[in-house]
Amino acid sequence: MAPPSGADTLEVRQRYLRRRRSRPFDNRSRTAFWVVVGAATVWLCIGGFAVFVFGS
């Protein structure tokens, strides 16, 4: 989708911005996903280490 020029109507520019913002899995979602994956990985490592140390 090509960005609107200054000659386009306000309606065209607003529609472009709405579509651009509604992209699935944008940068914030991607960052949040990797933060959650990292946190889960850390918890699994801590849990595995605890089982290794205290389980025997």
Protein backbone atom coordinates (compact mmCIF):
# COMPACT_ATOMS: atom_id res chain seq x y z
CA MET A 1 0.00 0.00 0.00
CA ALA A 2 1.54 3.28 -1.10
CA PRO A 3 1.41 6.17 1.36
CA PRO A 4 -0.96 8.99 0.43
CA SER A 5 0.39 12.22 -0.96
CA GLY A 6 -0.48 15.72 0.17
CA ALA A 7 -2.97 15.98 -2.70
CA ASP A 8 -5.10 13.12 -1.34
CA THR A 9 -8.20 13.86 0.70
CA LEU A 10 -8.26 13.70 4.47
CA GLU A 11 -10.47 10.62 4.28
CA VAL A 12 -7.86 8.75 2.22
CA ARG A 13 -5.07 9.68 4.65
CA GLN A 14 -7.12 8.64 7.69
CA ARG A 15 -7.99 5.29 6.11
CA TYR A 16 -4.28 4.72 5.34
CA LEU A 17 -3.30 5.44 8.95
CA ARG A 18 -6.05 3.16 10.32
CA ARG A 19 -4.93 0.28 8.12
CA ARG A 20 -1.30 0.87 8.95
CA ARG A 21 -1.95 0.79 12.69
CA SER A 22 -4.10 -2.33 12.53
CA ARG A 23 -1.33 -4.62 11.28
CA PRO A 24 -1.33 -7.93 13.07
CA PHE A 25 1.71 -8.66 15.23
CA ASP A 26 3.33 -5.24 15.07
CA ASN A 27 6.59 -4.37 16.82
CA ARG A 28 5.07 -3.94 20.28
CA SER A 29 3.33 -7.31 20.07
CA ARG A 30 6.51 -8.94 18.87
CA THR A 31 8.51 -7.40 21.72
CA ALA A 32 5.89 -8.45 24.28
CA PHE A 33 5.93 -11.98 22.85
CA TRP A 34 9.70 -12.29 23.24
CA VAL A 35 9.59 -10.85 26.76
CA VAL A 36 7.04 -13.51 27.75
CA VAL A 37 9.06 -16.27 26.08
CA GLY A 38 12.21 -15.07 27.84
CA ALA A 39 10.48 -14.92 31.22
CA ALA A 40 9.09 -18.44 30.77
CA THR A 41 12.53 -19.72 29.81
CA VAL A 42 14.11 -18.15 32.88
CA TRP A 43 11.45 -19.69 35.15
CA LEU A 44 12.00 -23.10 33.58
CA CYS A 45 15.75 -22.82 34.11
CA ILE A 46 15.29 -21.76 37.74
CA GLY A 47 12.83 -24.59 38.33
CA GLY A 48 15.11 -27.14 36.71
CA PHE A 49 18.08 -25.96 38.74
CA ALA A 50 16.02 -26.11 41.96
CA VAL A 51 14.91 -29.66 41.21
CA PHE A 52 18.50 -30.61 40.43
CA VAL A 53 19.83 -29.10 43.69
CA PHE A 54 17.03 -29.89 46.12
CA GLY A 55 15.65 -33.05 44.51
CA SER A 56 18.60 -35.26 45.27
